[in-house]
Amino acid sequence: KADGAMAVLLKDAMQPNLVQTLENNPAFVHGGPFANIAHGCNSVVATTTALKLADYVVTEAGFGADLGA
C-alpha cells in the first residue's frame, strides 16, 4: 500500500524549518492556518522551538486561532 510509504516520506514534514534571512538571521518557517493565502503566521510549534533556542523571539500573530487571536 502507498499509505505506509507516504507516511515514511512525510514523517518529518510537519516540523518547522530553520532558514536564514537575507540579513543572516535565523528564522523558523512553519505555516499557520492561513499560510496559503497570505504571508502566513508561524505556529505554536515554531514559537515553542524558537523560545527554547533563543534569548528572545519575534512572532507575527495577526489572525491565527492557534495563537490565541
PDB file of N, CA and C in Angstrom:
ATOM      1  N   LYS A   1       0.824  -1.195   0.000  1.00  0.00           N
ATOM      2  CA  LYS A   1       0.000   0.000   0.000  1.00  0.00           C
ATOM      3  C   LYS A   1       0.865   1.255   0.000  1.00  0.00           C
ATOM      4  N   ALA A   2       0.339   2.290  -0.595  1.00  0.00           N
ATOM      5  CA  ALA A   2       1.083   3.545  -0.683  1.00  0.00           C
ATOM      6  C   ALA A   2       1.058   4.327   0.615  1.00  0.00           C
ATOM      7  N   ASP A   3       0.073   4.068   1.480  1.00  0.00           N
ATOM      8  CA  ASP A   3      -0.032   4.885   2.692  1.00  0.00           C
ATOM      9  C   ASP A   3       1.157   4.704   3.619  1.00  0.00           C
ATOM     10  N   GLY A   4       1.720   3.516   3.708  1.00  0.00           N
ATOM     11  CA  GLY A   4       2.905   3.296   4.542  1.00  0.00           C
ATOM     12  C   GLY A   4       4.123   4.028   4.011  1.00  0.00           C
ATOM     13  N   ALA A   5       4.324   3.969   2.696  1.00  0.00           N
ATOM     14  CA  ALA A   5       5.455   4.659   2.078  1.00  0.00           C
ATOM     15  C   ALA A   5       5.307   6.170   2.210  1.00  0.00           C
ATOM     16  N   MET A   6       4.094   6.666   2.050  1.00  0.00           N
ATOM     17  CA  MET A   6       3.872   8.105   2.190  1.00  0.00           C
ATOM     18  C   MET A   6       4.096   8.557   3.625  1.00  0.00           C
ATOM     19  N   ALA A   7       3.715   7.724   4.574  1.00  0.00           N
ATOM     20  CA  ALA A   7       3.934   8.074   5.980  1.00  0.00           C
ATOM     21  C   ALA A   7       5.418   8.191   6.280  1.00  0.00           C
ATOM     22  N   VAL A   8       6.224   7.311   5.716  1.00  0.00           N
ATOM     23  CA  VAL A   8       7.675   7.373   5.921  1.00  0.00           C
ATOM     24  C   VAL A   8       8.242   8.654   5.314  1.00  0.00           C
ATOM     25  N   LEU A   9       7.789   9.001   4.117  1.00  0.00           N
ATOM     26  CA  LEU A   9       8.285  10.208   3.452  1.00  0.00           C
ATOM     27  C   LEU A   9       7.867  11.485   4.166  1.00  0.00           C
ATOM     28  N   LEU A  10       6.675  11.486   4.763  1.00  0.00           N
ATOM     29  CA  LEU A  10       6.131  12.701   5.355  1.00  0.00           C
ATOM     30  C   LEU A  10       6.262  12.774   6.866  1.00  0.00           C
ATOM     31  N   LYS A  11       6.986  11.832   7.484  1.00  0.00           N
ATOM     32  CA  LYS A  11       7.040  11.797   8.951  1.00  0.00           C
ATOM     33  C   LYS A  11       7.641  13.066   9.549  1.00  0.00           C
ATOM     34  N   ASP A  12       8.535  13.719   8.854  1.00  0.00           N
ATOM     35  CA  ASP A  12       9.143  14.954   9.351  1.00  0.00           C
ATOM     36  C   ASP A  12       8.594  16.204   8.659  1.00  0.00           C
ATOM     37  N   ALA A  13       7.589  16.047   7.815  1.00  0.00           N
ATOM     38  CA  ALA A  13       7.086  17.171   7.020  1.00  0.00           C
ATOM     39  C   ALA A  13       6.444  18.259   7.863  1.00  0.00           C
ATOM     40  N   MET A  14       5.911  17.925   9.012  1.00  0.00           N
ATOM     41  CA  MET A  14       5.220  18.913   9.839  1.00  0.00           C
ATOM     42  C   MET A  14       6.145  19.631  10.817  1.00  0.00           C
ATOM     43  N   GLN A  15       7.423  19.343  10.779  1.00  0.00           N
ATOM     44  CA  GLN A  15       8.376  20.001  11.661  1.00  0.00           C
ATOM     45  C   GLN A  15       8.757  21.370  11.093  1.00  0.00           C
ATOM     46  N   PRO A  16       9.046  22.345  11.958  1.00  0.00           N
ATOM     47  CA  PRO A  16       9.481  23.662  11.471  1.00  0.00           C
ATOM     48  C   PRO A  16      10.814  23.570  10.724  1.00  0.00           C
ATOM     49  N   ASN A  17      11.005  24.439   9.760  1.00  0.00           N
ATOM     50  CA  ASN A  17      12.253  24.521   9.010  1.00  0.00           C
ATOM     51  C   ASN A  17      13.050  25.720   9.493  1.00  0.00           C
ATOM     52  N   LEU A  18      14.328  25.509   9.766  1.00  0.00           N
ATOM     53  CA  LEU A  18      15.217  26.603  10.142  1.00  0.00           C
ATOM     54  C   LEU A  18      15.863  27.138   8.871  1.00  0.00           C
ATOM     55  N   VAL A  19      15.634  28.425   8.588  1.00  0.00           N
ATOM     56  CA  VAL A  19      16.181  29.064   7.393  1.00  0.00           C
ATOM     57  C   VAL A  19      16.960  30.308   7.799  1.00  0.00           C
ATOM     58  N   GLN A  20      17.617  30.919   6.830  1.00  0.00           N
ATOM     59  CA  GLN A  20      18.409  32.120   7.090  1.00  0.00           C
ATOM     60  C   GLN A  20      17.842  33.279   6.273  1.00  0.00           C
ATOM     61  N   THR A  21      17.679  34.439   6.913  1.00  0.00           N
ATOM     62  CA  THR A  21      17.167  35.616   6.213  1.00  0.00           C
ATOM     63  C   THR A  21      18.276  36.268   5.391  1.00  0.00           C
ATOM     64  N   LEU A  22      17.912  37.263   4.601  1.00  0.00           N
ATOM     65  CA  LEU A  22      18.912  37.998   3.823  1.00  0.00           C
ATOM     66  C   LEU A  22      19.891  38.747   4.720  1.00  0.00           C
ATOM     67  N   GLU A  23      19.471  39.029   5.961  1.00  0.00           N
ATOM     68  CA  GLU A  23      20.332  39.712   6.930  1.00  0.00           C
ATOM     69  C   GLU A  23      21.125  38.718   7.778  1.00  0.00           C
ATOM     70  N   ASN A  24      21.139  37.450   7.364  1.00  0.00           N
ATOM     71  CA  ASN A  24      21.880  36.370   8.030  1.00  0.00           C
ATOM     72  C   ASN A  24      21.348  36.035   9.418  1.00  0.00           C
ATOM     73  N   ASN A  25      20.057  36.251   9.642  1.00  0.00           N
ATOM     74  CA  ASN A  25      19.430  35.892  10.908  1.00  0.00           C
ATOM     75  C   ASN A  25      18.681  34.578  10.752  1.00  0.00           C
ATOM     76  N   PRO A  26      18.644  33.765  11.805  1.00  0.00           N
ATOM     77  CA  PRO A  26      17.873  32.519  11.714  1.00  0.00           C
ATOM     78  C   PRO A  26      16.376  32.805  11.790  1.00  0.00           C
ATOM     79  N   ALA A  27      15.593  32.000  11.106  1.00  0.00           N
ATOM     80  CA  ALA A  27      14.131  32.142  11.134  1.00  0.00           C
ATOM     81  C   ALA A  27      13.498  30.765  10.989  1.00  0.00           C
ATOM     82  N   PHE A  28      12.458  30.518  11.773  1.00  0.00           N
ATOM     83  CA  PHE A  28      11.698  29.280  11.636  1.00  0.00           C
ATOM     84  C   PHE A  28      10.542  29.518  10.676  1.00  0.00           C
ATOM     85  N   VAL A  29      10.360  28.608   9.741  1.00  0.00           N
ATOM     86  CA  VAL A  29       9.237  28.657   8.819  1.00  0.00           C
ATOM     87  C   VAL A  29       8.346  27.467   9.130  1.00  0.00           C
ATOM     88  N   HIS A  30       7.137  27.758   9.543  1.00  0.00           N
ATOM     89  CA  HIS A  30       6.168  26.709   9.864  1.00  0.00           C
ATOM     90  C   HIS A  30       4.800  27.334   9.741  1.00  0.00           C
ATOM     91  N   GLY A  31       4.074  26.969   8.715  1.00  0.00           N
ATOM     92  CA  GLY A  31       2.844  27.655   8.364  1.00  0.00           C
ATOM     93  C   GLY A  31       1.727  27.548   9.373  1.00  0.00           C
ATOM     94  N   GLY A  32       1.021  28.644   9.497  1.00  0.00           N
ATOM     95  CA  GLY A  32      -0.179  28.678  10.310  1.00  0.00           C
ATOM     96  C   GLY A  32      -1.399  28.355   9.470  1.00  0.00           C
ATOM     97  N   PRO A  33      -2.579  28.631   9.985  1.00  0.00           N
ATOM     98  CA  PRO A  33      -3.803  28.233   9.291  1.00  0.00           C
ATOM     99  C   PRO A  33      -4.063  28.968   7.983  1.00  0.00           C
ATOM    100  N   PHE A  34      -3.462  30.125   7.767  1.00  0.00           N
ATOM    101  CA  PHE A  34      -3.705  30.877   6.547  1.00  0.00           C
ATOM    102  C   PHE A  34      -2.428  31.079   5.739  1.00  0.00           C
ATOM    103  N   ALA A  35      -1.463  30.206   5.864  1.00  0.00           N
ATOM    104  CA  ALA A  35      -0.195  30.365   5.160  1.00  0.00           C
ATOM    105  C   ALA A  35      -0.349  30.230   3.649  1.00  0.00           C
ATOM    106  N   ASN A  36      -1.460  29.690   3.197  1.00  0.00           N
ATOM    107  CA  ASN A  36      -1.644  29.524   1.760  1.00  0.00           C
ATOM    108  C   ASN A  36      -2.223  30.765   1.076  1.00  0.00           C
ATOM    109  N   ILE A  37      -2.759  31.732   1.843  1.00  0.00           N
ATOM    110  CA  ILE A  37      -3.405  32.880   1.201  1.00  0.00           C
ATOM    111  C   ILE A  37      -2.756  34.215   1.556  1.00  0.00           C
ATOM    112  N   ALA A  38      -1.801  34.225   2.436  1.00  0.00           N
ATOM    113  CA  ALA A  38      -1.145  35.465   2.840  1.00  0.00           C
ATOM    114  C   ALA A  38       0.307  35.141   3.167  1.00  0.00           C
ATOM    115  N   HIS A  39       0.982  36.073   3.783  1.00  0.00           N
ATOM    116  CA  HIS A  39       2.368  35.805   4.173  1.00  0.00           C
ATOM    117  C   HIS A  39       2.415  34.753   5.262  1.00  0.00           C
ATOM    118  N   GLY A  40       1.291  34.460   5.874  1.00  0.00           N
ATOM    119  CA  GLY A  40       1.221  33.396   6.863  1.00  0.00           C
ATOM    120  C   GLY A  40       1.611  33.843   8.248  1.00  0.00           C
ATOM    121  N   CYS A  41       1.426  32.973   9.164  1.00  0.00           N
ATOM    122  CA  CYS A  41       1.832  33.204  10.543  1.00  0.00           C
ATOM    123  C   CYS A  41       2.468  31.913  11.042  1.00  0.00           C
ATOM    124  N   ASN A  42       3.358  32.047  11.954  1.00  0.00           N
ATOM    125  CA  ASN A  42       4.024  30.843  12.430  1.00  0.00           C
ATOM    126  C   ASN A  42       3.126  30.090  13.401  1.00  0.00           C
ATOM    127  N   SER A  43       3.481  28.856  13.676  1.00  0.00           N
ATOM    128  CA  SER A  43       2.672  28.004  14.539  1.00  0.00           C
ATOM    129  C   SER A  43       3.201  28.015  15.967  1.00  0.00           C
ATOM    130  N   VAL A  44       2.427  27.447  16.854  1.00  0.00           N
ATOM    131  CA  VAL A  44       2.849  27.304  18.242  1.00  0.00           C
ATOM    132  C   VAL A  44       4.099  26.431  18.314  1.00  0.00           C
ATOM    133  N   VAL A  45       4.196  25.432  17.451  1.00  0.00           N
ATOM    134  CA  VAL A  45       5.372  24.553  17.425  1.00  0.00           C
ATOM    135  C   VAL A  45       6.627  25.360  17.125  1.00  0.00           C
ATOM    136  N   ALA A  46       6.573  26.230  16.121  1.00  0.00           N
ATOM    137  CA  ALA A  46       7.735  27.045  15.766  1.00  0.00           C
ATOM    138  C   ALA A  46       8.094  28.021  16.878  1.00  0.00           C
ATOM    139  N   THR A  47       7.093  28.645  17.490  1.00  0.00           N
ATOM    140  CA  THR A  47       7.354  29.591  18.579  1.00  0.00           C
ATOM    141  C   THR A  47       7.965  28.891  19.779  1.00  0.00           C
ATOM    142  N   THR A  48       7.432  27.747  20.156  1.00  0.00           N
ATOM    143  CA  THR A  48       7.962  26.994  21.296  1.00  0.00           C
ATOM    144  C   THR A  48       9.397  26.552  21.041  1.00  0.00           C
ATOM    145  N   THR A  49       9.667  26.079  19.835  1.00  0.00           N
ATOM    146  CA  THR A  49      11.026  25.663  19.485  1.00  0.00           C
ATOM    147  C   THR A  49      11.979  26.847  19.528  1.00  0.00           C
ATOM    148  N   ALA A  50      11.568  27.980  18.979  1.00  0.00           N
ATOM    149  CA  ALA A  50      12.418  29.170  18.983  1.00  0.00           C
ATOM    150  C   ALA A  50      12.704  29.650  20.399  1.00  0.00           C
ATOM    151  N   LEU A  51      11.695  29.607  21.274  1.00  0.00           N
ATOM    152  CA  LEU A  51      11.893  30.047  22.662  1.00  0.00           C
ATOM    153  C   LEU A  51      12.897  29.173  23.403  1.00  0.00           C
ATOM    154  N   LYS A  52      13.006  27.921  23.018  1.00  0.00           N
ATOM    155  CA  LYS A  52      13.981  27.023  23.645  1.00  0.00           C
ATOM    156  C   LYS A  52      15.404  27.312  23.171  1.00  0.00           C
ATOM    157  N   LEU A  53      15.530  27.937  21.993  1.00  0.00           N
ATOM    158  CA  LEU A  53      16.845  28.119  21.379  1.00  0.00           C
ATOM    159  C   LEU A  53      17.369  29.549  21.392  1.00  0.00           C
ATOM    160  N   ALA A  54      16.525  30.515  21.739  1.00  0.00           N
ATOM    161  CA  ALA A  54      16.941  31.917  21.640  1.00  0.00           C
ATOM    162  C   ALA A  54      16.605  32.681  22.910  1.00  0.00           C
ATOM    163  N   ASP A  55      17.276  33.815  23.088  1.00  0.00           N
ATOM    164  CA  ASP A  55      17.002  34.678  24.233  1.00  0.00           C
ATOM    165  C   ASP A  55      15.692  35.439  24.063  1.00  0.00           C
ATOM    166  N   TYR A  56      15.339  35.789  22.829  1.00  0.00           N
ATOM    167  CA  TYR A  56      14.071  36.454  22.551  1.00  0.00           C
ATOM    168  C   TYR A  56      13.557  35.997  21.195  1.00  0.00           C
ATOM    169  N   VAL A  57      12.257  36.099  21.011  1.00  0.00           N
ATOM    170  CA  VAL A  57      11.610  35.619  19.787  1.00  0.00           C
ATOM    171  C   VAL A  57      10.613  36.674  19.317  1.00  0.00           C
ATOM    172  N   VAL A  58      10.631  36.980  18.033  1.00  0.00           N
ATOM    173  CA  VAL A  58       9.663  37.888  17.428  1.00  0.00           C
ATOM    174  C   VAL A  58       8.712  37.035  16.598  1.00  0.00           C
ATOM    175  N   THR A  59       7.419  37.230  16.802  1.00  0.00           N
ATOM    176  CA  THR A  59       6.434  36.430  16.069  1.00  0.00           C
ATOM    177  C   THR A  59       5.352  37.315  15.476  1.00  0.00           C
ATOM    178  N   GLU A  60       4.794  36.884  14.367  1.00  0.00           N
ATOM    179  CA  GLU A  60       3.660  37.558  13.756  1.00  0.00           C
ATOM    180  C   GLU A  60       2.437  36.722  14.094  1.00  0.00           C
ATOM    181  N   ALA A  61       1.493  37.315  14.780  1.00  0.00           N
ATOM    182  CA  ALA A  61       0.320  36.560  15.221  1.00  0.00           C
ATOM    183  C   ALA A  61      -0.951  37.321  14.880  1.00  0.00           C
ATOM    184  N   GLY A  62      -1.104  37.672  13.636  1.00  0.00           N
ATOM    185  CA  GLY A  62      -2.217  38.513  13.247  1.00  0.00           C
ATOM    186  C   GLY A  62      -3.573  37.864  13.268  1.00  0.00           C
ATOM    187  N   PHE A  63      -3.690  36.594  12.869  1.00  0.00           N
ATOM    188  CA  PHE A  63      -5.016  36.024  12.735  1.00  0.00           C
ATOM    189  C   PHE A  63      -5.057  34.527  12.972  1.00  0.00           C
ATOM    190  N   GLY A  64      -4.090  33.965  13.655  1.00  0.00           N
ATOM    191  CA  GLY A  64      -4.071  32.526  13.879  1.00  0.00           C
ATOM    192  C   GLY A  64      -4.854  32.122  15.111  1.00  0.00           C
ATOM    193  N   ALA A  65      -5.848  31.282  14.945  1.00  0.00           N
ATOM    194  CA  ALA A  65      -6.652  30.826  16.083  1.00  0.00           C
ATOM    195  C   ALA A  65      -5.804  30.032  17.072  1.00  0.00           C
ATOM    196  N   ASP A  66      -4.822  29.290  16.561  1.00  0.00           N
ATOM    197  CA  ASP A  66      -3.980  28.502  17.465  1.00  0.00           C
ATOM    198  C   ASP A  66      -3.021  29.380  18.259  1.00  0.00           C
ATOM    199  N   LEU A  67      -2.906  30.655  17.898  1.00  0.00           N
ATOM    200  CA  LEU A  67      -2.027  31.574  18.611  1.00  0.00           C
ATOM    201  C   LEU A  67      -2.792  32.462  19.582  1.00  0.00           C
ATOM    202  N   GLY A  68      -4.062  32.196  19.757  1.00  0.00           N
ATOM    203  CA  GLY A  68      -4.851  32.926  20.737  1.00  0.00           C
ATOM    204  C   GLY A  68      -5.589  34.137  20.207  1.00  0.00           C
ATOM    205  N   ALA A  69      -5.538  34.363  18.901  1.00  0.00           N
ATOM    206  CA  ALA A  69      -6.225  35.533  18.329  1.00  0.00           C
ATOM    207  C   ALA A  69      -7.715  35.292  18.207  1.00  0.00           C
TER     208      ALA A  69
END
